[in-house]
């Protein structure tokens, strides 16, 4: 007969963490703990109950943004957030401008 696993022998799926979402301010705070305060990634992860890979990804993104390149994912710094907002606004304005050009060309042909 099969036995039930002991309480401490849960399957891997039961041990997985629930996916959590963090805002840019929190991520930036964690990055600054590593960069400015000199704490190790491992120490920050243990203290704040975070995954090593997530924190390292935030550090990489911060480095990309600091170098003036758009990092992957949502921007961490206020400057990159503003740049992304302006880029989206610029795309919308270009799209609106193209539409207006097409409409005016259409009506110019109709009036002839």
N, C-alpha and C. Protein backbone atom coordinates (compact mmCIF):
# COMPACT_ATOMS: atom_id res chain seq x y z
N UNK A 1 0.82 -1.18 0.00
CA UNK A 1 0.00 0.00 0.00
C UNK A 1 0.86 1.24 0.00
N UNK A 2 0.41 2.26 -0.70
CA UNK A 2 1.18 3.50 -0.79
C UNK A 2 1.03 4.34 0.46
N UNK A 3 2.09 5.00 0.78
CA UNK A 3 2.05 5.88 1.94
C UNK A 3 2.01 7.33 1.49
N UNK A 4 1.44 8.15 2.31
CA UNK A 4 1.42 9.57 2.03
C UNK A 4 2.76 10.16 2.44
N UNK A 5 3.27 11.12 1.64
CA UNK A 5 4.55 11.72 2.01
C UNK A 5 4.44 12.51 3.30
N UNK A 6 5.51 12.54 4.03
CA UNK A 6 5.54 13.32 5.27
C UNK A 6 5.31 14.79 4.95
N UNK A 7 4.88 15.54 5.94
CA UNK A 7 4.55 16.96 5.74
C UNK A 7 5.72 17.75 5.19
N UNK A 8 6.96 17.41 5.58
CA UNK A 8 8.12 18.16 5.12
C UNK A 8 8.62 17.67 3.76
N UNK A 9 8.02 16.65 3.18
CA UNK A 9 8.43 16.12 1.89
C UNK A 9 7.41 16.46 0.80
N UNK A 10 7.01 17.70 0.76
CA UNK A 10 6.03 18.13 -0.24
C UNK A 10 6.66 18.10 -1.62
N UNK A 11 5.81 17.96 -2.63
CA UNK A 11 6.30 17.94 -4.01
C UNK A 11 6.82 19.31 -4.39
N UNK A 12 7.59 19.37 -5.46
CA UNK A 12 8.19 20.63 -5.91
C UNK A 12 7.13 21.68 -6.24
N UNK A 13 6.00 21.24 -6.79
CA UNK A 13 4.98 22.23 -7.15
C UNK A 13 4.38 22.88 -5.91
N UNK A 14 4.32 22.14 -4.82
CA UNK A 14 3.78 22.72 -3.60
C UNK A 14 4.78 23.67 -2.94
N UNK A 15 6.07 23.48 -3.21
CA UNK A 15 7.10 24.30 -2.61
C UNK A 15 7.37 25.58 -3.38
N UNK A 16 6.87 25.68 -4.62
CA UNK A 16 7.11 26.87 -5.43
C UNK A 16 6.50 28.09 -4.78
N UNK A 17 7.18 29.21 -4.94
CA UNK A 17 6.66 30.47 -4.45
C UNK A 17 5.56 30.98 -5.35
N UNK A 18 4.63 31.68 -4.77
CA UNK A 18 3.62 32.35 -5.58
C UNK A 18 4.31 33.53 -6.27
N UNK A 19 3.94 33.77 -7.50
CA UNK A 19 4.54 34.87 -8.26
C UNK A 19 4.11 36.20 -7.64
N UNK A 20 5.08 37.04 -7.38
CA UNK A 20 4.80 38.34 -6.78
C UNK A 20 5.17 39.43 -7.77
N UNK A 21 4.51 40.57 -7.63
CA UNK A 21 4.81 41.72 -8.49
C UNK A 21 5.36 42.83 -7.60
N UNK A 22 6.39 43.50 -8.10
CA UNK A 22 7.02 44.59 -7.36
C UNK A 22 7.01 45.84 -8.22
N UNK A 23 6.75 46.98 -7.59
CA UNK A 23 6.76 48.23 -8.35
C UNK A 23 8.19 48.72 -8.54
N UNK A 24 8.35 49.68 -9.42
CA UNK A 24 9.67 50.18 -9.79
C UNK A 24 10.39 50.78 -8.58
N UNK A 25 9.67 51.43 -7.69
CA UNK A 25 10.30 52.05 -6.53
C UNK A 25 10.93 50.99 -5.62
N UNK A 26 10.25 49.87 -5.43
CA UNK A 26 10.79 48.79 -4.61
C UNK A 26 12.03 48.19 -5.26
N UNK A 27 11.95 47.94 -6.56
CA UNK A 27 13.09 47.38 -7.28
C UNK A 27 14.30 48.30 -7.19
N UNK A 28 14.05 49.59 -7.34
CA UNK A 28 15.14 50.57 -7.26
C UNK A 28 15.74 50.60 -5.86
N UNK A 29 14.91 50.45 -4.84
CA UNK A 29 15.39 50.39 -3.46
C UNK A 29 16.31 49.18 -3.26
N UNK A 30 15.92 48.04 -3.80
CA UNK A 30 16.74 46.83 -3.68
C UNK A 30 18.06 47.01 -4.43
N UNK A 31 18.01 47.59 -5.61
CA UNK A 31 19.23 47.83 -6.39
C UNK A 31 20.17 48.75 -5.60
N UNK A 32 19.62 49.78 -5.01
CA UNK A 32 20.45 50.72 -4.25
C UNK A 32 21.07 50.06 -3.01
N UNK A 33 20.37 49.08 -2.43
CA UNK A 33 20.95 48.36 -1.29
C UNK A 33 22.22 47.62 -1.72
N UNK A 34 22.18 47.06 -2.92
CA UNK A 34 23.35 46.33 -3.42
C UNK A 34 24.43 47.31 -3.87
N UNK A 35 24.06 48.30 -4.66
CA UNK A 35 25.04 49.21 -5.26
C UNK A 35 25.59 50.23 -4.26
N UNK A 36 24.71 50.89 -3.53
CA UNK A 36 25.13 52.00 -2.67
C UNK A 36 25.59 51.54 -1.29
N UNK A 37 24.89 50.55 -0.72
CA UNK A 37 25.21 50.11 0.62
C UNK A 37 26.24 48.98 0.64
N UNK A 38 26.51 48.42 -0.53
CA UNK A 38 27.52 47.37 -0.63
C UNK A 38 27.09 46.01 -0.11
N UNK A 39 25.80 45.80 0.05
CA UNK A 39 25.32 44.50 0.50
C UNK A 39 25.42 43.50 -0.65
N UNK A 40 25.60 42.24 -0.32
CA UNK A 40 25.67 41.22 -1.36
C UNK A 40 24.26 40.89 -1.84
N UNK A 41 24.19 40.38 -3.05
CA UNK A 41 22.89 39.98 -3.61
C UNK A 41 22.26 38.90 -2.73
N UNK A 42 23.07 37.95 -2.31
CA UNK A 42 22.56 36.87 -1.47
C UNK A 42 21.98 37.39 -0.16
N UNK A 43 22.68 38.33 0.46
CA UNK A 43 22.20 38.89 1.73
C UNK A 43 20.89 39.63 1.54
N UNK A 44 20.81 40.44 0.51
CA UNK A 44 19.57 41.18 0.24
C UNK A 44 18.43 40.21 -0.03
N UNK A 45 18.70 39.16 -0.79
CA UNK A 45 17.66 38.16 -1.09
C UNK A 45 17.16 37.48 0.18
N UNK A 46 18.08 37.11 1.05
CA UNK A 46 17.67 36.46 2.30
C UNK A 46 16.88 37.43 3.18
N UNK A 47 17.37 38.64 3.31
CA UNK A 47 16.72 39.62 4.19
C UNK A 47 15.33 40.00 3.70
N UNK A 48 15.15 40.07 2.39
CA UNK A 48 13.89 40.56 1.84
C UNK A 48 13.04 39.45 1.23
N UNK A 49 13.49 38.21 1.37
CA UNK A 49 12.75 37.05 0.85
C UNK A 49 12.50 37.17 -0.66
N UNK A 50 13.59 37.43 -1.39
CA UNK A 50 13.52 37.58 -2.84
C UNK A 50 14.35 36.49 -3.51
N UNK A 51 14.13 36.30 -4.80
CA UNK A 51 14.92 35.33 -5.53
C UNK A 51 16.18 35.99 -6.08
N UNK A 52 17.24 35.22 -6.11
CA UNK A 52 18.53 35.70 -6.61
C UNK A 52 18.42 36.15 -8.06
N UNK A 53 17.75 35.36 -8.88
CA UNK A 53 17.65 35.69 -10.31
C UNK A 53 16.88 36.99 -10.54
N UNK A 54 15.85 37.23 -9.75
CA UNK A 54 15.08 38.46 -9.91
C UNK A 54 15.90 39.69 -9.58
N UNK A 55 16.63 39.63 -8.48
CA UNK A 55 17.44 40.77 -8.06
C UNK A 55 18.55 41.01 -9.08
N UNK A 56 19.17 39.95 -9.57
CA UNK A 56 20.23 40.11 -10.57
C UNK A 56 19.67 40.72 -11.86
N UNK A 57 18.45 40.35 -12.23
CA UNK A 57 17.81 40.93 -13.41
C UNK A 57 17.56 42.42 -13.20
N UNK A 58 17.15 42.82 -11.99
CA UNK A 58 16.93 44.24 -11.68
C UNK A 58 18.24 45.00 -11.75
N UNK A 59 19.31 44.40 -11.25
CA UNK A 59 20.63 45.04 -11.30
C UNK A 59 21.08 45.24 -12.75
N UNK A 60 20.87 44.23 -13.56
CA UNK A 60 21.24 44.32 -14.98
C UNK A 60 20.43 45.41 -15.67
N UNK A 61 19.14 45.47 -15.38
CA UNK A 61 18.29 46.48 -15.99
C UNK A 61 18.73 47.88 -15.54
N UNK A 62 19.05 48.03 -14.28
CA UNK A 62 19.50 49.32 -13.77
C UNK A 62 20.79 49.75 -14.48
N UNK A 63 21.71 48.82 -14.66
CA UNK A 63 22.97 49.12 -15.35
C UNK A 63 22.72 49.56 -16.78
N UNK A 64 21.79 48.88 -17.46
CA UNK A 64 21.44 49.25 -18.84
C UNK A 64 20.87 50.67 -18.88
N UNK A 65 19.96 50.96 -17.96
CA UNK A 65 19.34 52.28 -17.94
C UNK A 65 20.36 53.36 -17.58
N UNK A 66 21.27 53.04 -16.67
CA UNK A 66 22.30 54.01 -16.29
C UNK A 66 23.23 54.32 -17.46
N UNK A 67 23.39 53.35 -18.36
CA UNK A 67 24.24 53.54 -19.53
C UNK A 67 23.48 54.23 -20.67
N UNK A 68 22.21 54.56 -20.43
CA UNK A 68 21.44 55.26 -21.44
C UNK A 68 20.71 54.35 -22.41
N UNK A 69 20.75 53.06 -22.16
CA UNK A 69 20.04 52.11 -23.02
C UNK A 69 18.74 51.70 -22.33
N UNK A 70 17.70 51.42 -23.10
CA UNK A 70 16.46 50.98 -22.46
C UNK A 70 16.61 49.54 -21.99
N UNK A 71 16.50 49.31 -20.74
CA UNK A 71 16.59 47.95 -20.21
C UNK A 71 15.38 47.13 -20.61
N UNK A 72 15.45 45.85 -20.37
CA UNK A 72 14.32 44.97 -20.65
C UNK A 72 13.29 45.13 -19.54
N UNK A 73 12.03 45.04 -19.88
CA UNK A 73 10.99 45.14 -18.87
C UNK A 73 10.62 46.58 -18.56
N UNK A 74 9.86 46.71 -17.48
CA UNK A 74 9.42 48.05 -17.08
C UNK A 74 10.60 48.85 -16.56
N UNK A 75 10.68 50.12 -16.92
CA UNK A 75 11.82 50.93 -16.49
C UNK A 75 11.85 51.13 -14.98
N UNK A 76 13.06 51.19 -14.43
CA UNK A 76 13.23 51.39 -12.99
C UNK A 76 13.38 52.86 -12.63
N UNK A 77 14.18 53.56 -13.40
CA UNK A 77 14.48 54.95 -13.05
C UNK A 77 13.40 55.89 -13.60
N UNK A 78 13.26 57.01 -12.93
CA UNK A 78 12.27 58.00 -13.36
C UNK A 78 12.58 58.51 -14.75
N UNK A 79 13.87 58.64 -15.06
CA UNK A 79 14.27 59.13 -16.38
C UNK A 79 13.81 58.16 -17.48
N UNK A 80 14.05 56.88 -17.26
CA UNK A 80 13.64 55.89 -18.26
C UNK A 80 12.12 55.78 -18.36
N UNK A 81 11.43 55.94 -17.24
CA UNK A 81 9.97 55.94 -17.28
C UNK A 81 9.47 57.10 -18.13
N UNK A 82 10.08 58.27 -17.97
CA UNK A 82 9.69 59.45 -18.74
C UNK A 82 10.02 59.27 -20.22
N UNK A 83 11.18 58.69 -20.51
CA UNK A 83 11.58 58.43 -21.90
C UNK A 83 10.57 57.50 -22.55
N UNK A 84 10.19 56.43 -21.87
CA UNK A 84 9.21 55.49 -22.45
C UNK A 84 7.87 56.18 -22.68
N UNK A 85 7.47 57.03 -21.75
CA UNK A 85 6.21 57.76 -21.91
C UNK A 85 6.28 58.68 -23.12
N UNK A 86 7.38 59.39 -23.27
CA UNK A 86 7.53 60.30 -24.41
C UNK A 86 7.61 59.55 -25.73
N UNK A 87 8.27 58.39 -25.73
CA UNK A 87 8.33 57.59 -26.94
C UNK A 87 6.95 57.11 -27.36
N UNK A 88 6.13 56.70 -26.39
CA UNK A 88 4.77 56.27 -26.70
C UNK A 88 3.94 57.43 -27.23
N UNK A 89 4.11 58.60 -26.62
CA UNK A 89 3.40 59.79 -27.09
C UNK A 89 3.85 60.17 -28.50
N UNK A 90 5.13 60.06 -28.77
CA UNK A 90 5.68 60.36 -30.09
C UNK A 90 5.10 59.41 -31.14
N UNK A 91 5.04 58.12 -30.82
CA UNK A 91 4.44 57.15 -31.76
C UNK A 91 2.99 57.50 -32.06
N UNK A 92 2.23 57.89 -31.02
CA UNK A 92 0.83 58.24 -31.20
C UNK A 92 0.69 59.48 -32.08
N UNK A 93 1.53 60.47 -31.85
CA UNK A 93 1.46 61.70 -32.65
C UNK A 93 1.81 61.43 -34.11
N UNK A 94 2.82 60.59 -34.35
CA UNK A 94 3.17 60.23 -35.73
C UNK A 94 2.02 59.51 -36.41
N UNK A 95 1.38 58.62 -35.68
CA UNK A 95 0.24 57.90 -36.23
C UNK A 95 -0.90 58.87 -36.56
N UNK A 96 -1.18 59.79 -35.65
CA UNK A 96 -2.23 60.78 -35.89
C UNK A 96 -1.89 61.65 -37.10
N UNK A 97 -0.63 62.05 -37.22
CA UNK A 97 -0.18 62.88 -38.33
C UNK A 97 -0.34 62.13 -39.66
N UNK A 98 0.03 60.86 -39.70
CA UNK A 98 -0.13 60.06 -40.92
C UNK A 98 -1.59 59.96 -41.32
N UNK A 99 -2.47 59.78 -40.33
CA UNK A 99 -3.90 59.70 -40.61
C UNK A 99 -4.41 61.02 -41.19
N UNK A 100 -3.99 62.13 -40.61
CA UNK A 100 -4.41 63.43 -41.12
C UNK A 100 -3.93 63.67 -42.54
N UNK A 101 -2.72 63.22 -42.86
CA UNK A 101 -2.20 63.37 -44.22
C UNK A 101 -3.06 62.57 -45.20
N UNK A 102 -3.42 61.35 -44.83
CA UNK A 102 -4.23 60.52 -45.70
C UNK A 102 -5.61 61.11 -45.91
N UNK A 103 -6.20 61.61 -44.82
CA UNK A 103 -7.54 62.20 -44.92
C UNK A 103 -7.52 63.46 -45.77
N UNK A 104 -6.51 64.30 -45.58
CA UNK A 104 -6.45 65.53 -46.37
C UNK A 104 -6.20 65.21 -47.85
N UNK A 105 -5.40 64.19 -48.15
CA UNK A 105 -5.17 63.79 -49.54
C UNK A 105 -6.47 63.27 -50.15
N UNK A 106 -7.23 62.52 -49.37
CA UNK A 106 -8.50 61.99 -49.86
C UNK A 106 -9.46 63.12 -50.20
N UNK A 107 -9.60 64.10 -49.30
CA UNK A 107 -10.52 65.19 -49.55
C UNK A 107 -10.03 66.12 -50.66
N UNK A 108 -8.74 66.25 -50.82
CA UNK A 108 -8.19 67.07 -51.92
C UNK A 108 -8.56 66.46 -53.26
N UNK A 109 -8.54 65.13 -53.34
CA UNK A 109 -8.94 64.46 -54.59
C UNK A 109 -10.43 64.60 -54.83
N UNK A 110 -11.23 64.57 -53.78
CA UNK A 110 -12.68 64.67 -53.90
C UNK A 110 -13.11 66.07 -54.36
N UNK A 111 -12.37 67.09 -53.99
CA UNK A 111 -12.75 68.46 -54.33
C UNK A 111 -12.41 68.79 -55.78
N UNK A 112 -11.53 68.05 -56.40
CA UNK A 112 -11.12 68.36 -57.79
C UNK A 112 -12.17 67.97 -58.77
